[in-house]
Amino acid sequence: MDVSKMDSMLAQLKAGAALAAGRPAPLSASRIASAGVNEAQGGIGGAGGVGVDFTSVLKKSLDQVNHTQQHATRLARDFEMGAPGANLTDAMISLQKANISLQYTLQVRNKMVAAYQDIMNMPV
């Protein structure tokens, strides 16, 4: 698997996390390139720029998926208990968002496992 595919996968992960959090999408690949990507270091910015830490991005994304799941469960429980202000529409939409974010996370995991297997199968 080449570096451009890994960058594309990382950009998709960031966009999905931002979408699940209700934030605007992060920089696109063309905007990152115009900002000056230091490909030798894999970082964003100039020669003195700070690199993107994949581990922190992944942890942040997983934390966001967890938060989405917990929020959906809380809304559903509030509706089931008849809490004032809880409605079915919000609970169902939140549950679907949580389901989509979990499915997206599973697909990212599958892509990462496939990339790992491709790397392990490369001749040395």
PDB file of N, CA and C in Angstrom:
ATOM      1  N   MET A   1       0.854  -1.168   0.000  1.00  0.00           N
ATOM      2  CA  MET A   1       0.000   0.000   0.000  1.00  0.00           C
ATOM      3  C   MET A   1       0.899   1.229   0.000  1.00  0.00           C
ATOM      4  N   ASP A   2       0.625   2.178  -0.888  1.00  0.00           N
ATOM      5  CA  ASP A   2       1.489   3.344  -0.960  1.00  0.00           C
ATOM      6  C   ASP A   2       1.026   4.439   0.007  1.00  0.00           C
ATOM      7  N   VAL A   3       1.854   5.443   0.146  1.00  0.00           N
ATOM      8  CA  VAL A   3       1.622   6.507   1.120  1.00  0.00           C
ATOM      9  C   VAL A   3       0.365   7.300   0.782  1.00  0.00           C
ATOM     10  N   SER A   4       0.085   7.502  -0.494  1.00  0.00           N
ATOM     11  CA  SER A   4      -1.094   8.291  -0.853  1.00  0.00           C
ATOM     12  C   SER A   4      -2.382   7.603  -0.408  1.00  0.00           C
ATOM     13  N   LYS A   5      -2.411   6.277  -0.454  1.00  0.00           N
ATOM     14  CA  LYS A   5      -3.602   5.560   0.014  1.00  0.00           C
ATOM     15  C   LYS A   5      -3.745   5.691   1.524  1.00  0.00           C
ATOM     16  N   MET A   6      -2.622   5.643   2.240  1.00  0.00           N
ATOM     17  CA  MET A   6      -2.665   5.807   3.695  1.00  0.00           C
ATOM     18  C   MET A   6      -3.134   7.220   4.054  1.00  0.00           C
ATOM     19  N   ASP A   7      -2.636   8.233   3.319  1.00  0.00           N
ATOM     20  CA  ASP A   7      -3.063   9.607   3.564  1.00  0.00           C
ATOM     21  C   ASP A   7      -4.551   9.769   3.289  1.00  0.00           C
ATOM     22  N   SER A   8      -5.014   9.133   2.225  1.00  0.00           N
ATOM     23  CA  SER A   8      -6.432   9.195   1.892  1.00  0.00           C
ATOM     24  C   SER A   8      -7.278   8.562   2.987  1.00  0.00           C
ATOM     25  N   MET A   9      -6.832   7.421   3.499  1.00  0.00           N
ATOM     26  CA  MET A   9      -7.568   6.743   4.561  1.00  0.00           C
ATOM     27  C   MET A   9      -7.590   7.608   5.825  1.00  0.00           C
ATOM     28  N   LEU A  10      -6.486   8.238   6.149  1.00  0.00           N
ATOM     29  CA  LEU A  10      -6.421   9.105   7.320  1.00  0.00           C
ATOM     30  C   LEU A  10      -7.347  10.310   7.148  1.00  0.00           C
ATOM     31  N   ALA A  11      -7.386  10.877   5.946  1.00  0.00           N
ATOM     32  CA  ALA A  11      -8.277  12.009   5.685  1.00  0.00           C
ATOM     33  C   ALA A  11      -9.738  11.594   5.826  1.00  0.00           C
ATOM     34  N   GLN A  12     -10.067  10.385   5.364  1.00  0.00           N
ATOM     35  CA  GLN A  12     -11.437   9.894   5.511  1.00  0.00           C
ATOM     36  C   GLN A  12     -11.783   9.689   6.976  1.00  0.00           C
ATOM     37  N   LEU A  13     -10.839   9.196   7.757  1.00  0.00           N
ATOM     38  CA  LEU A  13     -11.062   8.989   9.191  1.00  0.00           C
ATOM     39  C   LEU A  13     -11.326  10.318   9.887  1.00  0.00           C
ATOM     40  N   LYS A  14     -10.528  11.326   9.560  1.00  0.00           N
ATOM     41  CA  LYS A  14     -10.713  12.642  10.167  1.00  0.00           C
ATOM     42  C   LYS A  14     -12.049  13.251   9.758  1.00  0.00           C
ATOM     43  N   ALA A  15     -12.408  13.117   8.481  1.00  0.00           N
ATOM     44  CA  ALA A  15     -13.673  13.675   8.014  1.00  0.00           C
ATOM     45  C   ALA A  15     -14.853  12.987   8.688  1.00  0.00           C
ATOM     46  N   GLY A  16     -14.760  11.678   8.855  1.00  0.00           N
ATOM     47  CA  GLY A  16     -15.833  10.947   9.527  1.00  0.00           C
ATOM     48  C   GLY A  16     -15.965  11.333  10.985  1.00  0.00           C
ATOM     49  N   ALA A  17     -14.843  11.519  11.653  1.00  0.00           N
ATOM     50  CA  ALA A  17     -14.875  11.927  13.060  1.00  0.00           C
ATOM     51  C   ALA A  17     -15.460  13.327  13.195  1.00  0.00           C
ATOM     52  N   ALA A  18     -15.090  14.217  12.284  1.00  0.00           N
ATOM     53  CA  ALA A  18     -15.626  15.576  12.332  1.00  0.00           C
ATOM     54  C   ALA A  18     -17.119  15.574  12.044  1.00  0.00           C
ATOM     55  N   LEU A  19     -17.541  14.748  11.095  1.00  0.00           N
ATOM     56  CA  LEU A  19     -18.956  14.654  10.760  1.00  0.00           C
ATOM     57  C   LEU A  19     -19.753  14.114  11.936  1.00  0.00           C
ATOM     58  N   ALA A  20     -19.233  13.098  12.597  1.00  0.00           N
ATOM     59  CA  ALA A  20     -19.930  12.520  13.751  1.00  0.00           C
ATOM     60  C   ALA A  20     -20.010  13.513  14.901  1.00  0.00           C
ATOM     61  N   ALA A  21     -19.011  14.374  15.015  1.00  0.00           N
ATOM     62  CA  ALA A  21     -18.998  15.359  16.096  1.00  0.00           C
ATOM     63  C   ALA A  21     -19.794  16.609  15.744  1.00  0.00           C
ATOM     64  N   GLY A  22     -20.242  16.704  14.490  1.00  0.00           N
ATOM     65  CA  GLY A  22     -21.001  17.870  14.074  1.00  0.00           C
ATOM     66  C   GLY A  22     -20.139  19.086  13.809  1.00  0.00           C
ATOM     67  N   ARG A  23     -18.847  18.857  13.584  1.00  0.00           N
ATOM     68  CA  ARG A  23     -17.925  19.952  13.291  1.00  0.00           C
ATOM     69  C   ARG A  23     -17.702  20.016  11.788  1.00  0.00           C
ATOM     70  N   PRO A  24     -17.166  21.150  11.296  1.00  0.00           N
ATOM     71  CA  PRO A  24     -16.803  21.203   9.885  1.00  0.00           C
ATOM     72  C   PRO A  24     -15.669  20.225   9.593  1.00  0.00           C
ATOM     73  N   ALA A  25     -15.628  19.739   8.374  1.00  0.00           N
ATOM     74  CA  ALA A  25     -14.606  18.770   7.977  1.00  0.00           C
ATOM     75  C   ALA A  25     -13.221  19.398   8.047  1.00  0.00           C
ATOM     76  N   PRO A  26     -12.189  18.589   8.358  1.00  0.00           N
ATOM     77  CA  PRO A  26     -10.826  19.112   8.397  1.00  0.00           C
ATOM     78  C   PRO A  26     -10.333  19.472   7.000  1.00  0.00           C
ATOM     79  N   LEU A  27      -9.124  19.966   6.941  1.00  0.00           N
ATOM     80  CA  LEU A  27      -8.539  20.369   5.665  1.00  0.00           C
ATOM     81  C   LEU A  27      -8.579  19.246   4.650  1.00  0.00           C
ATOM     82  N   SER A  28      -8.903  19.599   3.411  1.00  0.00           N
ATOM     83  CA  SER A  28      -8.869  18.603   2.349  1.00  0.00           C
ATOM     84  C   SER A  28      -7.427  18.394   1.912  1.00  0.00           C
ATOM     85  N   ALA A  29      -7.213  17.355   1.119  1.00  0.00           N
ATOM     86  CA  ALA A  29      -5.854  17.036   0.676  1.00  0.00           C
ATOM     87  C   ALA A  29      -5.249  18.176  -0.138  1.00  0.00           C
ATOM     88  N   SER A  30      -6.063  18.826  -0.969  1.00  0.00           N
ATOM     89  CA  SER A  30      -5.525  19.919  -1.780  1.00  0.00           C
ATOM     90  C   SER A  30      -5.163  21.122  -0.914  1.00  0.00           C
ATOM     91  N   ARG A  31      -5.965  21.386   0.128  1.00  0.00           N
ATOM     92  CA  ARG A  31      -5.647  22.498   1.020  1.00  0.00           C
ATOM     93  C   ARG A  31      -4.422  22.185   1.860  1.00  0.00           C
ATOM     94  N   ILE A  32      -4.248  20.926   2.238  1.00  0.00           N
ATOM     95  CA  ILE A  32      -3.053  20.536   2.985  1.00  0.00           C
ATOM     96  C   ILE A  32      -1.823  20.694   2.100  1.00  0.00           C
ATOM     97  N   ALA A  33      -1.935  20.267   0.839  1.00  0.00           N
ATOM     98  CA  ALA A  33      -0.800  20.371  -0.077  1.00  0.00           C
ATOM     99  C   ALA A  33      -0.423  21.833  -0.300  1.00  0.00           C
ATOM    100  N   SER A  34      -1.433  22.700  -0.426  1.00  0.00           N
ATOM    101  CA  SER A  34      -1.121  24.107  -0.640  1.00  0.00           C
ATOM    102  C   SER A  34      -0.564  24.762   0.625  1.00  0.00           C
ATOM    103  N   ALA A  35      -0.870  24.188   1.799  1.00  0.00           N
ATOM    104  CA  ALA A  35      -0.329  24.729   3.046  1.00  0.00           C
ATOM    105  C   ALA A  35       1.121  24.324   3.253  1.00  0.00           C
ATOM    106  N   GLY A  36       1.578  23.323   2.510  1.00  0.00           N
ATOM    107  CA  GLY A  36       2.969  22.910   2.600  1.00  0.00           C
ATOM    108  C   GLY A  36       3.156  21.680   3.453  1.00  0.00           C
ATOM    109  N   VAL A  37       3.037  20.523   2.844  1.00  0.00           N
ATOM    110  CA  VAL A  37       3.224  19.275   3.573  1.00  0.00           C
ATOM    111  C   VAL A  37       4.670  18.851   3.433  1.00  0.00           C
ATOM    112  N   ASN A  38       5.300  18.559   4.535  1.00  0.00           N
ATOM    113  CA  ASN A  38       6.661  18.063   4.539  1.00  0.00           C
ATOM    114  C   ASN A  38       6.579  16.551   4.436  1.00  0.00           C
ATOM    115  N   GLU A  39       6.643  16.024   3.215  1.00  0.00           N
ATOM    116  CA  GLU A  39       6.432  14.597   3.001  1.00  0.00           C
ATOM    117  C   GLU A  39       7.527  13.743   3.619  1.00  0.00           C
ATOM    118  N   ALA A  40       8.722  14.290   3.725  1.00  0.00           N
ATOM    119  CA  ALA A  40       9.804  13.493   4.300  1.00  0.00           C
ATOM    120  C   ALA A  40       9.538  13.184   5.771  1.00  0.00           C
ATOM    121  N   GLN A  41       8.939  14.129   6.483  1.00  0.00           N
ATOM    122  CA  GLN A  41       8.651  13.922   7.893  1.00  0.00           C
ATOM    123  C   GLN A  41       7.218  13.477   8.124  1.00  0.00           C
ATOM    124  N   GLY A  42       6.372  13.544   7.102  1.00  0.00           N
ATOM    125  CA  GLY A  42       4.984  13.160   7.253  1.00  0.00           C
ATOM    126  C   GLY A  42       4.188  14.150   8.078  1.00  0.00           C
ATOM    127  N   GLY A  43       4.669  15.369   8.186  1.00  0.00           N
ATOM    128  CA  GLY A  43       3.993  16.356   9.007  1.00  0.00           C
ATOM    129  C   GLY A  43       3.355  17.435   8.169  1.00  0.00           C
ATOM    130  N   ILE A  44       2.559  18.256   8.818  1.00  0.00           N
ATOM    131  CA  ILE A  44       1.915  19.368   8.154  1.00  0.00           C
ATOM    132  C   ILE A  44       2.644  20.626   8.579  1.00  0.00           C
ATOM    133  N   GLY A  45       2.914  21.466   7.610  1.00  0.00           N
ATOM    134  CA  GLY A  45       3.638  22.699   7.898  1.00  0.00           C
ATOM    135  C   GLY A  45       4.963  22.691   7.165  1.00  0.00           C
ATOM    136  N   GLY A  46       5.812  23.607   7.510  1.00  0.00           N
ATOM    137  CA  GLY A  46       7.114  23.698   6.870  1.00  0.00           C
ATOM    138  C   GLY A  46       8.082  22.693   7.452  1.00  0.00           C
ATOM    139  N   ALA A  47       9.373  22.961   7.256  1.00  0.00           N
ATOM    140  CA  ALA A  47      10.390  22.045   7.761  1.00  0.00           C
ATOM    141  C   ALA A  47      10.358  21.969   9.279  1.00  0.00           C
ATOM    142  N   GLY A  48       9.921  23.036   9.934  1.00  0.00           N
ATOM    143  CA  GLY A  48       9.844  23.038  11.390  1.00  0.00           C
ATOM    144  C   GLY A  48       8.457  22.702  11.910  1.00  0.00           C
ATOM    145  N   GLY A  49       7.544  22.247  11.027  1.00  0.00           N
ATOM    146  CA  GLY A  49       6.166  21.957  11.429  1.00  0.00           C
ATOM    147  C   GLY A  49       6.074  20.723  12.305  1.00  0.00           C
ATOM    148  N   VAL A  50       5.008  20.644  13.047  1.00  0.00           N
ATOM    149  CA  VAL A  50       4.765  19.504  13.924  1.00  0.00           C
ATOM    150  C   VAL A  50       4.012  18.448  13.137  1.00  0.00           C
ATOM    151  N   GLY A  51       4.421  17.178  13.237  1.00  0.00           N
ATOM    152  CA  GLY A  51       3.774  16.103  12.512  1.00  0.00           C
ATOM    153  C   GLY A  51       2.454  15.714  13.145  1.00  0.00           C
ATOM    154  N   VAL A  52       1.621  15.055  12.353  1.00  0.00           N
ATOM    155  CA  VAL A  52       0.346  14.558  12.840  1.00  0.00           C
ATOM    156  C   VAL A  52       0.596  13.226  13.533  1.00  0.00           C
ATOM    157  N   ASP A  53       0.155  13.101  14.760  1.00  0.00           N
ATOM    158  CA  ASP A  53       0.332  11.879  15.525  1.00  0.00           C
ATOM    159  C   ASP A  53      -0.862  10.969  15.267  1.00  0.00           C
ATOM    160  N   PHE A  54      -0.636   9.882  14.541  1.00  0.00           N
ATOM    161  CA  PHE A  54      -1.713   8.977  14.154  1.00  0.00           C
ATOM    162  C   PHE A  54      -2.392   8.373  15.374  1.00  0.00           C
ATOM    163  N   THR A  55      -1.625   8.056  16.391  1.00  0.00           N
ATOM    164  CA  THR A  55      -2.189   7.449  17.597  1.00  0.00           C
ATOM    165  C   THR A  55      -3.188   8.377  18.266  1.00  0.00           C
ATOM    166  N   SER A  56      -2.842   9.651  18.378  1.00  0.00           N
ATOM    167  CA  SER A  56      -3.764  10.590  19.026  1.00  0.00           C
ATOM    168  C   SER A  56      -5.009  10.821  18.176  1.00  0.00           C
ATOM    169  N   VAL A  57      -4.848  10.847  16.857  1.00  0.00           N
ATOM    170  CA  VAL A  57      -6.003  11.002  15.970  1.00  0.00           C
ATOM    171  C   VAL A  57      -6.931   9.803  16.113  1.00  0.00           C
ATOM    172  N   LEU A  58      -6.360   8.611  16.146  1.00  0.00           N
ATOM    173  CA  LEU A  58      -7.164   7.399  16.280  1.00  0.00           C
ATOM    174  C   LEU A  58      -7.861   7.356  17.635  1.00  0.00           C
ATOM    175  N   LYS A  59      -7.140   7.685  18.697  1.00  0.00           N
ATOM    176  CA  LYS A  59      -7.747   7.679  20.036  1.00  0.00           C
ATOM    177  C   LYS A  59      -8.867   8.701  20.132  1.00  0.00           C
ATOM    178  N   LYS A  60      -8.641   9.874  19.577  1.00  0.00           N
ATOM    179  CA  LYS A  60      -9.660  10.921  19.606  1.00  0.00           C
ATOM    180  C   LYS A  60     -10.910  10.473  18.844  1.00  0.00           C
ATOM    181  N   SER A  61     -10.719   9.818  17.721  1.00  0.00           N
ATOM    182  CA  SER A  61     -11.852   9.324  16.935  1.00  0.00           C
ATOM    183  C   SER A  61     -12.620   8.252  17.692  1.00  0.00           C
ATOM    184  N   LEU A  62     -11.900   7.332  18.332  1.00  0.00           N
ATOM    185  CA  LEU A  62     -12.566   6.284  19.107  1.00  0.00           C
ATOM    186  C   LEU A  62     -13.298   6.868  20.313  1.00  0.00           C
ATOM    187  N   ASP A  63     -12.709   7.865  20.940  1.00  0.00           N
ATOM    188  CA  ASP A  63     -13.384   8.532  22.057  1.00  0.00           C
ATOM    189  C   ASP A  63     -14.670   9.211  21.591  1.00  0.00           C
ATOM    190  N   GLN A  64     -14.623   9.803  20.397  1.00  0.00           N
ATOM    191  CA  GLN A  64     -15.810  10.466  19.857  1.00  0.00           C
ATOM    192  C   GLN A  64     -16.909   9.448  19.555  1.00  0.00           C
ATOM    193  N   VAL A  65     -16.539   8.294  19.005  1.00  0.00           N
ATOM    194  CA  VAL A  65     -17.521   7.235  18.746  1.00  0.00           C
ATOM    195  C   VAL A  65     -18.129   6.769  20.065  1.00  0.00           C
ATOM    196  N   ASN A  66     -17.306   6.598  21.081  1.00  0.00           N
ATOM    197  CA  ASN A  66     -17.794   6.194  22.399  1.00  0.00           C
ATOM    198  C   ASN A  66     -18.757   7.233  22.967  1.00  0.00           C
ATOM    199  N   HIS A  67     -18.410   8.498  22.844  1.00  0.00           N
ATOM    200  CA  HIS A  67     -19.279   9.568  23.338  1.00  0.00           C
ATOM    201  C   HIS A  67     -20.619   9.553  22.599  1.00  0.00           C
ATOM    202  N   THR A  68     -20.582   9.350  21.293  1.00  0.00           N
ATOM    203  CA  THR A  68     -21.808   9.292  20.501  1.00  0.00           C
ATOM    204  C   THR A  68     -22.690   8.135  20.955  1.00  0.00           C
ATOM    205  N   GLN A  69     -22.079   6.981  21.215  1.00  0.00           N
ATOM    206  CA  GLN A  69     -22.827   5.817  21.696  1.00  0.00           C
ATOM    207  C   GLN A  69     -23.460   6.107  23.060  1.00  0.00           C
ATOM    208  N   GLN A  70     -22.701   6.692  23.960  1.00  0.00           N
ATOM    209  CA  GLN A  70     -23.221   6.984  25.299  1.00  0.00           C
ATOM    210  C   GLN A  70     -24.351   8.008  25.258  1.00  0.00           C
ATOM    211  N   HIS A  71     -24.197   9.025  24.414  1.00  0.00           N
ATOM    212  CA  HIS A  71     -25.231  10.050  24.280  1.00  0.00           C
ATOM    213  C   HIS A  71     -26.522   9.434  23.735  1.00  0.00           C
ATOM    214  N   ALA A  72     -26.402   8.583  22.734  1.00  0.00           N
ATOM    215  CA  ALA A  72     -27.581   7.933  22.157  1.00  0.00           C
ATOM    216  C   ALA A  72     -28.275   7.050  23.187  1.00  0.00           C
ATOM    217  N   THR A  73     -27.497   6.315  23.956  1.00  0.00           N
ATOM    218  CA  THR A  73     -28.067   5.456  24.999  1.00  0.00           C
ATOM    219  C   THR A  73     -28.786   6.292  26.054  1.00  0.00           C
ATOM    220  N   ARG A  74     -28.191   7.420  26.422  1.00  0.00           N
ATOM    221  CA  ARG A  74     -28.806   8.299  27.420  1.00  0.00           C
ATOM    222  C   ARG A  74     -30.136   8.854  26.914  1.00  0.00           C
ATOM    223  N   LEU A  75     -30.176   9.304  25.648  1.00  0.00           N
ATOM    224  CA  LEU A  75     -31.421   9.833  25.094  1.00  0.00           C
ATOM    225  C   LEU A  75     -32.497   8.756  25.019  1.00  0.00           C
ATOM    226  N   ALA A  76     -32.114   7.549  24.613  1.00  0.00           N
ATOM    227  CA  ALA A  76     -33.082   6.456  24.528  1.00  0.00           C
ATOM    228  C   ALA A  76     -33.613   6.100  25.916  1.00  0.00           C
ATOM    229  N   ARG A  77     -32.733   6.048  26.895  1.00  0.00           N
ATOM    230  CA  ARG A  77     -33.153   5.729  28.264  1.00  0.00           C
ATOM    231  C   ARG A  77     -34.082   6.811  28.809  1.00  0.00           C
ATOM    232  N   ASP A  78     -33.747   8.071  28.547  1.00  0.00           N
ATOM    233  CA  ASP A  78     -34.606   9.164  29.001  1.00  0.00           C
ATOM    234  C   ASP A  78     -35.996   9.064  28.381  1.00  0.00           C
ATOM    235  N   PHE A  79     -36.063   8.724  27.100  1.00  0.00           N
ATOM    236  CA  PHE A  79     -37.362   8.576  26.449  1.00  0.00           C
ATOM    237  C   PHE A  79     -38.141   7.409  27.046  1.00  0.00           C
ATOM    238  N   GLU A  80     -37.448   6.291  27.273  1.00  0.00           N
ATOM    239  CA  GLU A  80     -38.110   5.115  27.838  1.00  0.00           C
ATOM    240  C   GLU A  80     -38.652   5.386  29.237  1.00  0.00           C
ATOM    241  N   MET A  81     -37.948   6.194  30.013  1.00  0.00           N
ATOM    242  CA  MET A  81     -38.367   6.497  31.381  1.00  0.00           C
ATOM    243  C   MET A  81     -39.397   7.625  31.438  1.00  0.00           C
ATOM    244  N   GLY A  82     -39.656   8.253  30.288  1.00  0.00           N
ATOM    245  CA  GLY A  82     -40.650   9.323  30.251  1.00  0.00           C
ATOM    246  C   GLY A  82     -40.151  10.636  30.808  1.00  0.00           C
ATOM    247  N   ALA A  83     -38.862  10.883  30.668  1.00  0.00           N
ATOM    248  CA  ALA A  83     -38.282  12.134  31.170  1.00  0.00           C
ATOM    249  C   ALA A  83     -38.872  13.318  30.414  1.00  0.00           C
ATOM    250  N   PRO A  84     -39.115  14.430  31.112  1.00  0.00           N
ATOM    251  CA  PRO A  84     -39.652  15.607  30.429  1.00  0.00           C
ATOM    252  C   PRO A  84     -38.644  16.128  29.400  1.00  0.00           C
ATOM    253  N   GLY A  85     -39.153  16.465  28.236  1.00  0.00           N
ATOM    254  CA  GLY A  85     -38.302  16.992  27.174  1.00  0.00           C
ATOM    255  C   GLY A  85     -37.688  15.934  26.275  1.00  0.00           C
ATOM    256  N   ALA A  86     -37.788  14.669  26.646  1.00  0.00           N
ATOM    257  CA  ALA A  86     -37.233  13.593  25.814  1.00  0.00           C
ATOM    258  C   ALA A  86     -38.261  13.233  24.749  1.00  0.00           C
ATOM    259  N   ASN A  87     -37.815  13.146  23.504  1.00  0.00           N
ATOM    260  CA  ASN A  87     -38.751  12.745  22.456  1.00  0.00           C
ATOM    261  C   ASN A  87     -38.156  11.635  21.606  1.00  0.00           C
ATOM    262  N   LEU A  88     -39.019  10.934  20.939  1.00  0.00           N
ATOM    263  CA  LEU A  88     -38.631   9.768  20.159  1.00  0.00           C
ATOM    264  C   LEU A  88     -37.740  10.145  18.978  1.00  0.00           C
ATOM    265  N   THR A  89     -38.033  11.261  18.339  1.00  0.00           N
ATOM    266  CA  THR A  89     -37.269  11.671  17.160  1.00  0.00           C
ATOM    267  C   THR A  89     -35.793  11.864  17.493  1.00  0.00           C
ATOM    268  N   ASP A  90     -35.516  12.612  18.544  1.00  0.00           N
ATOM    269  CA  ASP A  90     -34.121  12.845  18.934  1.00  0.00           C
ATOM    270  C   ASP A  90     -33.421  11.546  19.310  1.00  0.00           C
ATOM    271  N   ALA A  91     -34.137  10.680  20.025  1.00  0.00           N
ATOM    272  CA  ALA A  91     -33.541   9.409  20.437  1.00  0.00           C
ATOM    273  C   ALA A  91     -33.208   8.540  19.225  1.00  0.00           C
ATOM    274  N   MET A  92     -34.123   8.446  18.276  1.00  0.00           N
ATOM    275  CA  MET A  92     -33.897   7.598  17.100  1.00  0.00           C
ATOM    276  C   MET A  92     -32.782   8.154  16.215  1.00  0.00           C
ATOM    277  N   ILE A  93     -32.768   9.458  16.019  1.00  0.00           N
ATOM    278  CA  ILE A  93     -31.708  10.058  15.196  1.00  0.00           C
ATOM    279  C   ILE A  93     -30.353   9.855  15.859  1.00  0.00           C
ATOM    280  N   SER A  94     -30.299  10.039  17.152  1.00  0.00           N
ATOM    281  CA  SER A  94     -29.046   9.849  17.879  1.00  0.00           C
ATOM    282  C   SER A  94     -28.584   8.394  17.813  1.00  0.00           C
ATOM    283  N   LEU A  95     -29.514   7.460  17.939  1.00  0.00           N
ATOM    284  CA  LEU A  95     -29.157   6.039  17.832  1.00  0.00           C
ATOM    285  C   LEU A  95     -28.632   5.701  16.441  1.00  0.00           C
ATOM    286  N   GLN A  96     -29.228   6.278  15.409  1.00  0.00           N
ATOM    287  CA  GLN A  96     -28.752   6.020  14.049  1.00  0.00           C
ATOM    288  C   GLN A  96     -27.368   6.630  13.819  1.00  0.00           C
ATOM    289  N   LYS A  97     -27.140   7.832  14.348  1.00  0.00           N
ATOM    290  CA  LYS A  97     -25.807   8.441  14.243  1.00  0.00           C
ATOM    291  C   LYS A  97     -24.766   7.569  14.935  1.00  0.00           C
ATOM    292  N   ALA A  98     -25.123   7.044  16.101  1.00  0.00           N
ATOM    293  CA  ALA A  98     -24.199   6.175  16.833  1.00  0.00           C
ATOM    294  C   ALA A  98     -23.920   4.905  16.047  1.00  0.00           C
ATOM    295  N   ASN A  99     -24.948   4.345  15.435  1.00  0.00           N
ATOM    296  CA  ASN A  99     -24.775   3.139  14.631  1.00  0.00           C
ATOM    297  C   ASN A  99     -23.876   3.408  13.423  1.00  0.00           C
ATOM    298  N   ILE A 100     -24.101   4.524  12.751  1.00  0.00           N
ATOM    299  CA  ILE A 100     -23.283   4.868  11.582  1.00  0.00           C
ATOM    300  C   ILE A 100     -21.830   5.094  11.992  1.00  0.00           C
ATOM    301  N   SER A 101     -21.610   5.777  13.100  1.00  0.00           N
ATOM    302  CA  SER A 101     -20.227   6.020  13.531  1.00  0.00           C
ATOM    303  C   SER A 101     -19.534   4.714  13.906  1.00  0.00           C
ATOM    304  N   LEU A 102     -20.262   3.783  14.517  1.00  0.00           N
ATOM    305  CA  LEU A 102     -19.676   2.487  14.847  1.00  0.00           C
ATOM    306  C   LEU A 102     -19.357   1.698  13.580  1.00  0.00           C
ATOM    307  N   GLN A 103     -20.274   1.693  12.620  1.00  0.00           N
ATOM    308  CA  GLN A 103     -20.031   0.983  11.364  1.00  0.00           C
ATOM    309  C   GLN A 103     -18.845   1.591  10.619  1.00  0.00           C
ATOM    310  N   TYR A 104     -18.742   2.910  10.640  1.00  0.00           N
ATOM    311  CA  TYR A 104     -17.616   3.586  10.000  1.00  0.00           C
ATOM    312  C   TYR A 104     -16.302   3.176  10.667  1.00  0.00           C
ATOM    313  N   THR A 105     -16.307   3.116  11.988  1.00  0.00           N
ATOM    314  CA  THR A 105     -15.115   2.706  12.731  1.00  0.00           C
ATOM    315  C   THR A 105     -14.716   1.282  12.376  1.00  0.00           C
ATOM    316  N   LEU A 106     -15.697   0.403  12.257  1.00  0.00           N
ATOM    317  CA  LEU A 106     -15.403  -0.978  11.873  1.00  0.00           C
ATOM    318  C   LEU A 106     -14.799  -1.049  10.475  1.00  0.00           C
ATOM    319  N   GLN A 107     -15.298  -0.237   9.552  1.00  0.00           N
ATOM    320  CA  GLN A 107     -14.748  -0.233   8.199  1.00  0.00           C
ATOM    321  C   GLN A 107     -13.319   0.308   8.182  1.00  0.00           C
ATOM    322  N   VAL A 108     -13.056   1.325   8.990  1.00  0.00           N
ATOM    323  CA  VAL A 108     -11.687   1.850   9.086  1.00  0.00           C
ATOM    324  C   VAL A 108     -10.765   0.773   9.639  1.00  0.00           C
ATOM    325  N   ARG A 109     -11.232   0.066  10.667  1.00  0.00           N
ATOM    326  CA  ARG A 109     -10.438  -1.030  11.226  1.00  0.00           C
ATOM    327  C   ARG A 109     -10.154  -2.083  10.160  1.00  0.00           C
ATOM    328  N   ASN A 110     -11.164  -2.445   9.376  1.00  0.00           N
ATOM    329  CA  ASN A 110     -10.970  -3.436   8.318  1.00  0.00           C
ATOM    330  C   ASN A 110      -9.946  -2.962   7.291  1.00  0.00           C
ATOM    331  N   LYS A 111     -10.003  -1.677   6.940  1.00  0.00           N
ATOM    332  CA  LYS A 111      -9.026  -1.121   5.989  1.00  0.00           C
ATOM    333  C   LYS A 111      -7.619  -1.152   6.581  1.00  0.00           C
ATOM    334  N   MET A 112      -7.502  -0.860   7.860  1.00  0.00           N
ATOM    335  CA  MET A 112      -6.184  -0.870   8.492  1.00  0.00           C
ATOM    336  C   MET A 112      -5.628  -2.285   8.573  1.00  0.00           C
ATOM    337  N   VAL A 113      -6.470  -3.254   8.859  1.00  0.00           N
ATOM    338  CA  VAL A 113      -6.022  -4.648   8.894  1.00  0.00           C
ATOM    339  C   VAL A 113      -5.581  -5.086   7.505  1.00  0.00           C
ATOM    340  N   ALA A 114      -6.343  -4.704   6.485  1.00  0.00           N
ATOM    341  CA  ALA A 114      -5.970  -5.053   5.114  1.00  0.00           C
ATOM    342  C   ALA A 114      -4.643  -4.394   4.728  1.00  0.00           C
ATOM    343  N   ALA A 115      -4.448  -3.134   5.129  1.00  0.00           N
ATOM    344  CA  ALA A 115      -3.187  -2.446   4.839  1.00  0.00           C
ATOM    345  C   ALA A 115      -2.029  -3.130   5.551  1.00  0.00           C
ATOM    346  N   TYR A 116      -2.240  -3.526   6.793  1.00  0.00           N
ATOM    347  CA  TYR A 116      -1.208  -4.232   7.553  1.00  0.00           C
ATOM    348  C   TYR A 116      -0.856  -5.546   6.865  1.00  0.00           C
ATOM    349  N   GLN A 117      -1.865  -6.276   6.418  1.00  0.00           N
ATOM    350  CA  GLN A 117      -1.609  -7.544   5.740  1.00  0.00           C
ATOM    351  C   GLN A 117      -0.858  -7.328   4.432  1.00  0.00           C
ATOM    352  N   ASP A 118      -1.206  -6.255   3.702  1.00  0.00           N
ATOM    353  CA  ASP A 118      -0.480  -5.935   2.469  1.00  0.00           C
ATOM    354  C   ASP A 118       0.987  -5.639   2.763  1.00  0.00           C
ATOM    355  N   ILE A 119       1.235  -4.889   3.816  1.00  0.00           N
ATOM    356  CA  ILE A 119       2.614  -4.551   4.180  1.00  0.00           C
ATOM    357  C   ILE A 119       3.378  -5.802   4.593  1.00  0.00           C
ATOM    358  N   MET A 120       2.743  -6.667   5.361  1.00  0.00           N
ATOM    359  CA  MET A 120       3.404  -7.894   5.818  1.00  0.00           C
ATOM    360  C   MET A 120       3.684  -8.858   4.661  1.00  0.00           C
ATOM    361  N   ASN A 121       2.898  -8.784   3.601  1.00  0.00           N
ATOM    362  CA  ASN A 121       3.097  -9.667   2.452  1.00  0.00           C
ATOM    363  C   ASN A 121       4.095  -9.115   1.438  1.00  0.00           C
ATOM    364  N   MET A 122       4.598  -7.908   1.662  1.00  0.00           N
ATOM    365  CA  MET A 122       5.579  -7.326   0.745  1.00  0.00           C
ATOM    366  C   MET A 122       6.916  -8.036   0.902  1.00  0.00           C
ATOM    367  N   PRO A 123       7.576  -8.307  -0.234  1.00  0.00           N
ATOM    368  CA  PRO A 123       8.910  -8.908  -0.130  1.00  0.00           C
ATOM    369  C   PRO A 123       9.910  -7.877   0.395  1.00  0.00           C
ATOM    370  N   VAL A 124      10.873  -8.379   1.159  1.00  0.00           N
ATOM    371  CA  VAL A 124      11.863  -7.480   1.764  1.00  0.00           C
ATOM    372  C   VAL A 124      13.045  -7.320   0.897  1.00  0.00           C
TER     373      VAL A 124
END
